[in-house]
Amino acid sequence: NLNPGDYFNIIDFSSSVTSFADDLVEYNVENETDALAYIDEISASGSTNISETLISAINQFSAAEEDKANIIIFCTDGQATAGETNTNKILELVEAEISSTETEVFLFTLGIGASLDQALLTLLARENNGLVQFIDPENLESDLVKFFLSVNNPVLLSTMITIEPDI
């Protein structure tokens, strides 16, 4: 569901972190075909390296245009078991990386399954302009549709209202 003008990447992780491309790539038919082939080769194994994955994802936006929405959809089925595993330290690493890249991200977290760190995923989303959704594998399709519809087309990003007193 990407559109012309969108940029994307796919970062997969277990004990280590790998990605479809080194940087964000422009959406086009060729990149979509290659990305879908990449996804077909991903297999679940190893630990869950949340910290390194998020740092890698945030760094994708260091050269992004300021008028674009820097959206990360972070999907996991487990708790942090590799890299940094402490919730507060993961939050600090994410905050420091966002600060060092001088960008703003919208971090949407999607947890699938029963062995999740719901507190971490909730805090990551709330502290980084996002939403969190926990998905019951029995309702996978309907929950995924609900999540996608909530993040697909944000209407307002970084909205600011200024109210000045009457003079």
C-alpha atoms as a PDB file:
ATOM      1  CA  ASN A   1       0.000   0.000   0.000  1.00  0.00           C
ATOM      2  CA  LEU A   2       2.846   2.392  -0.709  1.00  0.00           C
ATOM      3  CA  ASN A   3       2.388   5.219  -3.175  1.00  0.00           C
ATOM      4  CA  PRO A   4       4.637   6.935  -5.708  1.00  0.00           C
ATOM      5  CA  GLY A   5       6.759   9.435  -3.788  1.00  0.00           C
ATOM      6  CA  ASP A   6       6.953   7.178  -0.719  1.00  0.00           C
ATOM      7  CA  TYR A   7      10.288   5.852   0.493  1.00  0.00           C
ATOM      8  CA  PHE A   8      10.668   2.647   2.486  1.00  0.00           C
ATOM      9  CA  ASN A   9      12.920  -0.043   3.827  1.00  0.00           C
ATOM     10  CA  ILE A  10      12.438  -3.355   5.584  1.00  0.00           C
ATOM     11  CA  ILE A  11      14.568  -4.155   8.603  1.00  0.00           C
ATOM     12  CA  ASP A  12      14.372  -7.668   9.945  1.00  0.00           C
ATOM     13  CA  PHE A  13      15.869  -8.750  13.217  1.00  0.00           C
ATOM     14  CA  SER A  14      16.531 -11.580  15.585  1.00  0.00           C
ATOM     15  CA  SER A  15      19.881 -11.756  17.383  1.00  0.00           C
ATOM     16  CA  SER A  16      21.272  -9.594  14.575  1.00  0.00           C
ATOM     17  CA  VAL A  17      19.757  -6.918  12.348  1.00  0.00           C
ATOM     18  CA  THR A  18      19.657  -6.951   8.551  1.00  0.00           C
ATOM     19  CA  SER A  19      17.777  -4.884   6.004  1.00  0.00           C
ATOM     20  CA  PHE A  20      16.415  -4.943   2.486  1.00  0.00           C
ATOM     21  CA  ALA A  21      18.492  -1.888   1.521  1.00  0.00           C
ATOM     22  CA  ASP A  22      21.219   0.231   3.083  1.00  0.00           C
ATOM     23  CA  ASP A  23      19.001   3.323   3.003  1.00  0.00           C
ATOM     24  CA  LEU A  24      15.407   4.202   2.253  1.00  0.00           C
ATOM     25  CA  VAL A  25      14.454   3.368  -1.329  1.00  0.00           C
ATOM     26  CA  GLU A  26      11.825   5.031  -3.455  1.00  0.00           C
ATOM     27  CA  TYR A  27       8.657   3.063  -3.979  1.00  0.00           C
ATOM     28  CA  ASN A  28       8.311   1.767  -7.523  1.00  0.00           C
ATOM     29  CA  VAL A  29       7.253  -1.541  -9.073  1.00  0.00           C
ATOM     30  CA  GLU A  30      10.809  -2.901  -9.232  1.00  0.00           C
ATOM     31  CA  ASN A  31      11.559  -2.081  -5.580  1.00  0.00           C
ATOM     32  CA  GLU A  32       8.189  -3.507  -4.530  1.00  0.00           C
ATOM     33  CA  THR A  33       8.927  -6.787  -6.336  1.00  0.00           C
ATOM     34  CA  ASP A  34      12.404  -6.984  -4.790  1.00  0.00           C
ATOM     35  CA  ALA A  35      11.034  -6.135  -1.310  1.00  0.00           C
ATOM     36  CA  LEU A  36       8.362  -8.827  -1.512  1.00  0.00           C
ATOM     37  CA  ALA A  37      11.013 -11.360  -2.542  1.00  0.00           C
ATOM     38  CA  TYR A  38      13.135 -10.218   0.423  1.00  0.00           C
ATOM     39  CA  ILE A  39      10.181 -10.689   2.780  1.00  0.00           C
ATOM     40  CA  ASP A  40       9.617 -14.215   1.461  1.00  0.00           C
ATOM     41  CA  GLU A  41      13.149 -15.114   2.590  1.00  0.00           C
ATOM     42  CA  ILE A  42      12.746 -13.861   6.183  1.00  0.00           C
ATOM     43  CA  SER A  43      12.489 -16.607   8.794  1.00  0.00           C
ATOM     44  CA  ALA A  44      11.934 -16.387  12.523  1.00  0.00           C
ATOM     45  CA  SER A  45      14.913 -17.518  14.603  1.00  0.00           C
ATOM     46  CA  GLY A  46      17.223 -16.383  17.366  1.00  0.00           C
ATOM     47  CA  SER A  47      16.682 -13.680  19.943  1.00  0.00           C
ATOM     48  CA  THR A  48      14.924 -10.304  19.762  1.00  0.00           C
ATOM     49  CA  ASN A  49      17.275  -7.344  19.329  1.00  0.00           C
ATOM     50  CA  ILE A  50      14.875  -4.424  19.740  1.00  0.00           C
ATOM     51  CA  SER A  51      17.458  -1.747  20.582  1.00  0.00           C
ATOM     52  CA  GLU A  52      19.721  -2.233  17.555  1.00  0.00           C
ATOM     53  CA  THR A  53      16.712  -2.565  15.256  1.00  0.00           C
ATOM     54  CA  LEU A  54      15.201   0.738  16.355  1.00  0.00           C
ATOM     55  CA  ILE A  55      18.548   2.530  16.098  1.00  0.00           C
ATOM     56  CA  SER A  56      18.954   1.172  12.571  1.00  0.00           C
ATOM     57  CA  ALA A  57      15.433   2.286  11.650  1.00  0.00           C
ATOM     58  CA  ILE A  58      15.868   5.790  13.092  1.00  0.00           C
ATOM     59  CA  ASN A  59      19.124   6.218  11.181  1.00  0.00           C
ATOM     60  CA  GLN A  60      17.238   5.644   7.945  1.00  0.00           C
ATOM     61  CA  PHE A  61      15.732   9.105   8.397  1.00  0.00           C
ATOM     62  CA  SER A  62      18.877  11.121   8.951  1.00  0.00           C
ATOM     63  CA  ALA A  63      18.780  12.253   5.321  1.00  0.00           C
ATOM     64  CA  ALA A  64      15.009  12.284   4.860  1.00  0.00           C
ATOM     65  CA  GLU A  65      13.180  15.404   3.795  1.00  0.00           C
ATOM     66  CA  GLU A  66      11.673  17.416   6.630  1.00  0.00           C
ATOM     67  CA  ASP A  67       8.259  17.651   4.966  1.00  0.00           C
ATOM     68  CA  LYS A  68       7.901  13.855   4.895  1.00  0.00           C
ATOM     69  CA  ALA A  69       6.400  11.802   7.701  1.00  0.00           C
ATOM     70  CA  ASN A  70       9.174   9.648   9.167  1.00  0.00           C
ATOM     71  CA  ILE A  71       7.105   6.609  10.085  1.00  0.00           C
ATOM     72  CA  ILE A  72       8.433   3.442  11.660  1.00  0.00           C
ATOM     73  CA  ILE A  73       6.113   0.476  11.994  1.00  0.00           C
ATOM     74  CA  PHE A  74       7.851  -1.744  14.512  1.00  0.00           C
ATOM     75  CA  CYS A  75       6.460  -5.272  14.609  1.00  0.00           C
ATOM     76  CA  THR A  76       7.621  -7.878  17.106  1.00  0.00           C
ATOM     77  CA  ASP A  77       6.483 -11.135  18.630  1.00  0.00           C
ATOM     78  CA  GLY A  78       8.692 -11.055  21.711  1.00  0.00           C
ATOM     79  CA  GLN A  79      10.597  -9.281  24.427  1.00  0.00           C
ATOM     80  CA  ALA A  80      14.047  -7.743  24.118  1.00  0.00           C
ATOM     81  CA  THR A  81      16.483 -10.626  24.625  1.00  0.00           C
ATOM     82  CA  ALA A  82      19.537  -9.394  22.683  1.00  0.00           C
ATOM     83  CA  GLY A  83      21.345  -6.063  22.570  1.00  0.00           C
ATOM     84  CA  GLU A  84      20.051  -3.745  25.278  1.00  0.00           C
ATOM     85  CA  THR A  85      17.239  -5.466  27.181  1.00  0.00           C
ATOM     86  CA  ASN A  86      16.415  -2.911  29.898  1.00  0.00           C
ATOM     87  CA  THR A  87      13.247  -0.954  29.076  1.00  0.00           C
ATOM     88  CA  ASN A  88      14.479   2.411  30.371  1.00  0.00           C
ATOM     89  CA  LYS A  89      17.806   2.061  28.592  1.00  0.00           C
ATOM     90  CA  ILE A  90      16.073   1.146  25.308  1.00  0.00           C
ATOM     91  CA  LEU A  91      13.902   4.261  25.639  1.00  0.00           C
ATOM     92  CA  GLU A  92      17.004   6.360  26.352  1.00  0.00           C
ATOM     93  CA  LEU A  93      18.841   4.906  23.324  1.00  0.00           C
ATOM     94  CA  VAL A  94      15.878   5.688  21.067  1.00  0.00           C
ATOM     95  CA  GLU A  95      15.622   9.245  22.410  1.00  0.00           C
ATOM     96  CA  ALA A  96      19.373   9.801  21.998  1.00  0.00           C
ATOM     97  CA  GLU A  97      19.353   8.448  18.429  1.00  0.00           C
ATOM     98  CA  ILE A  98      16.430  10.664  17.438  1.00  0.00           C
ATOM     99  CA  SER A  99      18.225  13.637  18.948  1.00  0.00           C
ATOM    100  CA  SER A 100      21.508  12.845  17.199  1.00  0.00           C
ATOM    101  CA  THR A 101      19.839  12.496  13.795  1.00  0.00           C
ATOM    102  CA  GLU A 102      17.963  15.762  14.395  1.00  0.00           C
ATOM    103  CA  THR A 103      14.757  14.270  13.062  1.00  0.00           C
ATOM    104  CA  GLU A 104      11.315  13.394  14.331  1.00  0.00           C
ATOM    105  CA  VAL A 105       9.801   9.950  13.990  1.00  0.00           C
ATOM    106  CA  PHE A 106       6.332   8.541  14.319  1.00  0.00           C
ATOM    107  CA  LEU A 107       6.895   5.144  15.919  1.00  0.00           C
ATOM    108  CA  PHE A 108       3.962   2.763  15.670  1.00  0.00           C
ATOM    109  CA  THR A 109       4.412  -0.484  17.580  1.00  0.00           C
ATOM    110  CA  LEU A 110       2.660  -3.690  16.674  1.00  0.00           C
ATOM    111  CA  GLY A 111       2.941  -6.633  19.036  1.00  0.00           C
ATOM    112  CA  ILE A 112       1.797 -10.058  17.899  1.00  0.00           C
ATOM    113  CA  GLY A 113       1.444 -12.962  20.316  1.00  0.00           C
ATOM    114  CA  ALA A 114       1.463 -13.564  24.033  1.00  0.00           C
ATOM    115  CA  SER A 115       5.130 -13.147  25.053  1.00  0.00           C
ATOM    116  CA  LEU A 116       5.411  -9.388  24.513  1.00  0.00           C
ATOM    117  CA  ASP A 117       6.800  -6.571  26.609  1.00  0.00           C
ATOM    118  CA  GLN A 118       3.584  -4.557  26.414  1.00  0.00           C
ATOM    119  CA  ALA A 119       4.970  -1.810  28.658  1.00  0.00           C
ATOM    120  CA  LEU A 120       7.994  -1.246  26.386  1.00  0.00           C
ATOM    121  CA  LEU A 121       5.944  -1.238  23.187  1.00  0.00           C
ATOM    122  CA  THR A 122       3.414   1.154  24.717  1.00  0.00           C
ATOM    123  CA  LEU A 123       6.100   3.553  25.934  1.00  0.00           C
ATOM    124  CA  LEU A 124       7.967   3.476  22.614  1.00  0.00           C
ATOM    125  CA  ALA A 125       4.800   4.484  20.767  1.00  0.00           C
ATOM    126  CA  ARG A 126       3.583   7.076  23.271  1.00  0.00           C
ATOM    127  CA  GLU A 127       6.959   8.799  23.607  1.00  0.00           C
ATOM    128  CA  ASN A 128       7.477   8.912  19.838  1.00  0.00           C
ATOM    129  CA  ASN A 129       4.239  10.220  18.310  1.00  0.00           C
ATOM    130  CA  GLY A 130       2.803   6.788  17.584  1.00  0.00           C
ATOM    131  CA  LEU A 131       0.163   4.270  18.443  1.00  0.00           C
ATOM    132  CA  VAL A 132       0.442   0.791  19.885  1.00  0.00           C
ATOM    133  CA  GLN A 133      -1.602  -2.254  18.903  1.00  0.00           C
ATOM    134  CA  PHE A 134      -1.466  -5.743  20.390  1.00  0.00           C
ATOM    135  CA  ILE A 135      -2.709  -8.468  18.106  1.00  0.00           C
ATOM    136  CA  ASP A 136      -4.211 -11.751  19.136  1.00  0.00           C
ATOM    137  CA  PRO A 137      -3.056 -14.383  16.623  1.00  0.00           C
ATOM    138  CA  GLU A 138      -6.634 -15.712  16.538  1.00  0.00           C
ATOM    139  CA  ASN A 139      -7.846 -12.324  15.224  1.00  0.00           C
ATOM    140  CA  LEU A 140      -4.768 -11.628  13.123  1.00  0.00           C
ATOM    141  CA  GLU A 141      -6.449 -10.449   9.935  1.00  0.00           C
ATOM    142  CA  SER A 142      -9.056  -8.140  11.505  1.00  0.00           C
ATOM    143  CA  ASP A 143      -6.565  -6.699  14.008  1.00  0.00           C
ATOM    144  CA  LEU A 144      -3.993  -6.036  11.257  1.00  0.00           C
ATOM    145  CA  VAL A 145      -6.616  -4.267   9.145  1.00  0.00           C
ATOM    146  CA  LYS A 146      -7.612  -2.136  12.149  1.00  0.00           C
ATOM    147  CA  PHE A 147      -3.976  -1.229  12.796  1.00  0.00           C
ATOM    148  CA  PHE A 148      -3.254  -0.448   9.156  1.00  0.00           C
ATOM    149  CA  LEU A 149      -6.295   1.802   8.858  1.00  0.00           C
ATOM    150  CA  SER A 150      -5.187   3.764  11.928  1.00  0.00           C
ATOM    151  CA  VAL A 151      -1.692   4.491  10.544  1.00  0.00           C
ATOM    152  CA  ASN A 152      -2.195   4.449   6.772  1.00  0.00           C
ATOM    153  CA  ASN A 153      -2.910   8.087   6.050  1.00  0.00           C
ATOM    154  CA  PRO A 154      -2.187  10.406   8.942  1.00  0.00           C
ATOM    155  CA  VAL A 155      -4.130  13.592   8.351  1.00  0.00           C
ATOM    156  CA  LEU A 156      -2.210  15.879  10.684  1.00  0.00           C
ATOM    157  CA  LEU A 157       1.430  15.535  11.669  1.00  0.00           C
ATOM    158  CA  SER A 158       3.211  17.683  14.250  1.00  0.00           C
ATOM    159  CA  THR A 159       0.210  19.944  14.554  1.00  0.00           C
ATOM    160  CA  MET A 160       0.661  23.072  16.624  1.00  0.00           C
ATOM    161  CA  ILE A 161      -1.996  25.527  17.741  1.00  0.00           C
ATOM    162  CA  THR A 162      -1.071  28.972  19.020  1.00  0.00           C
ATOM    163  CA  ILE A 163      -3.626  31.055  20.862  1.00  0.00           C
ATOM    164  CA  GLU A 164      -2.797  34.701  21.358  1.00  0.00           C
ATOM    165  CA  PRO A 165      -4.743  36.937  23.684  1.00  0.00           C
ATOM    166  CA  ASP A 166      -6.868  39.749  22.243  1.00  0.00           C
ATOM    167  CA  ILE A 167      -4.992  43.024  22.151  1.00  0.00           C
END
